[in-house]
Amino acid sequence: MNKPKTLMRPVLGRGVRYRWDEIRHQHQLLFPEGILVLNETGAAIVQLCDGQSLEQIKHELAKSFKNAHLEEDVDEFLDRLATRGLLHDDNNDTNA
């Protein structure tokens, strides 16, 4: 399987949205085919996927998660979401 291209400005895909489920006390990523329950770190990453650069995202995460080595974990997490079609690069491309 080919490794997906690293996203430079990740954004949620069409029909994908983040929400906090107050009843279940869960961070969730909703999409037409289902739901993905996120942990705190995953939710923090997804909430920053608004078209800002990957470097900006990592900088913001470093402020919240001090002493954590997030570089590879963030890249891997974003790649997994992109492979599932939940994220894409915000390059003004409508082929999301």
Protein backbone atom coordinates (compact mmCIF):
# COMPACT_ATOMS: atom_id res chain seq x y z
CA MET A 1 0.00 0.00 0.00
CA ASN A 2 1.31 3.46 -0.89
CA LYS A 3 1.95 5.92 1.91
CA PRO A 4 -0.37 8.93 1.51
CA LYS A 5 1.14 12.31 0.74
CA THR A 6 1.63 14.41 3.86
CA LEU A 7 -1.05 17.05 4.16
CA MET A 8 0.28 20.60 4.25
CA ARG A 9 -3.00 22.36 5.18
CA PRO A 10 -5.41 19.69 6.45
CA VAL A 11 -9.16 20.31 6.50
CA LEU A 12 -12.11 18.04 7.17
CA GLY A 13 -13.53 16.35 4.11
CA ARG A 14 -16.94 17.01 2.67
CA GLY A 15 -19.68 15.80 5.01
CA VAL A 16 -17.24 15.33 7.91
CA ARG A 17 -17.61 17.26 11.15
CA TYR A 18 -16.27 17.23 14.67
CA ARG A 19 -18.57 17.34 17.69
CA TRP A 20 -18.51 16.88 21.43
CA ASP A 21 -21.24 14.45 22.50
CA GLU A 22 -22.35 15.75 25.89
CA ILE A 23 -24.43 12.65 26.68
CA ARG A 24 -21.60 10.16 26.07
CA HIS A 25 -18.81 12.58 27.01
CA GLN A 26 -17.00 11.77 23.78
CA HIS A 27 -15.17 13.66 21.08
CA GLN A 28 -16.58 12.42 17.79
CA LEU A 29 -15.82 12.76 14.12
CA LEU A 30 -19.04 12.28 12.19
CA PHE A 31 -19.09 11.32 8.52
CA PRO A 32 -21.69 9.87 6.14
CA GLU A 33 -20.56 6.26 6.69
CA GLY A 34 -20.31 6.43 10.46
CA ILE A 35 -18.64 7.86 13.49
CA LEU A 36 -15.12 7.84 14.88
CA VAL A 37 -14.65 8.35 18.62
CA LEU A 38 -11.54 10.44 19.32
CA ASN A 39 -9.35 10.64 22.39
CA GLU A 40 -8.29 14.04 23.77
CA THR A 41 -5.20 14.26 21.58
CA GLY A 42 -7.04 13.22 18.43
CA ALA A 43 -9.77 15.77 19.13
CA ALA A 44 -7.18 18.51 19.65
CA ILE A 45 -5.58 17.67 16.31
CA VAL A 46 -8.88 17.50 14.40
CA GLN A 47 -10.09 20.81 15.83
CA LEU A 48 -6.99 22.49 14.39
CA CYS A 49 -7.59 21.09 10.89
CA ASP A 50 -9.12 24.26 9.53
CA GLY A 51 -6.74 25.03 6.68
CA GLN A 52 -3.85 26.32 8.76
CA SER A 53 -0.45 24.89 7.96
CA LEU A 54 0.77 21.61 9.41
CA GLU A 55 3.57 23.52 11.13
CA GLN A 56 1.05 25.86 12.78
CA ILE A 57 -0.96 22.87 13.98
CA LYS A 58 2.13 21.25 15.49
CA HIS A 59 3.11 24.55 17.13
CA GLU A 60 -0.35 24.89 18.75
CA LEU A 61 -0.29 21.28 19.92
CA ALA A 62 3.15 21.74 21.44
CA LYS A 63 1.72 24.52 23.63
CA SER A 64 -1.07 22.25 24.90
CA PHE A 65 0.91 19.02 25.19
CA LYS A 66 4.21 20.11 26.70
CA ASN A 67 7.07 17.60 26.75
CA ALA A 68 5.27 15.41 24.19
CA HIS A 69 7.04 14.34 21.03
CA LEU A 70 4.17 14.75 18.61
CA GLU A 71 5.85 15.11 15.21
CA GLU A 72 5.53 11.54 13.96
CA ASP A 73 2.28 10.84 15.83
CA VAL A 74 0.54 13.86 14.30
CA ASP A 75 1.72 12.96 10.79
CA GLU A 76 0.63 9.35 11.22
CA PHE A 77 -2.78 10.32 12.65
CA LEU A 78 -3.46 12.79 9.83
CA ASP A 79 -2.34 10.25 7.22
CA ARG A 80 -4.75 7.66 8.64
CA LEU A 81 -7.65 10.12 8.53
CA ALA A 82 -6.72 11.17 4.99
CA THR A 83 -6.53 7.54 3.86
CA ARG A 84 -10.11 7.08 5.11
CA GLY A 85 -11.19 10.20 3.19
CA LEU A 86 -11.92 12.19 6.35
CA LEU A 87 -9.28 14.87 5.67
CA HIS A 88 -7.82 16.45 2.60
CA ASP A 89 -5.37 19.23 1.78
CA ASP A 90 -6.87 22.71 1.61
CA ASN A 91 -5.43 23.62 -1.75
CA ASN A 92 -8.66 25.08 -3.14
CA ASP A 93 -9.20 21.73 -4.87
CA THR A 94 -12.86 20.70 -5.02
CA ASN A 95 -12.01 17.00 -5.43
CA ALA A 96 -12.31 16.34 -1.69
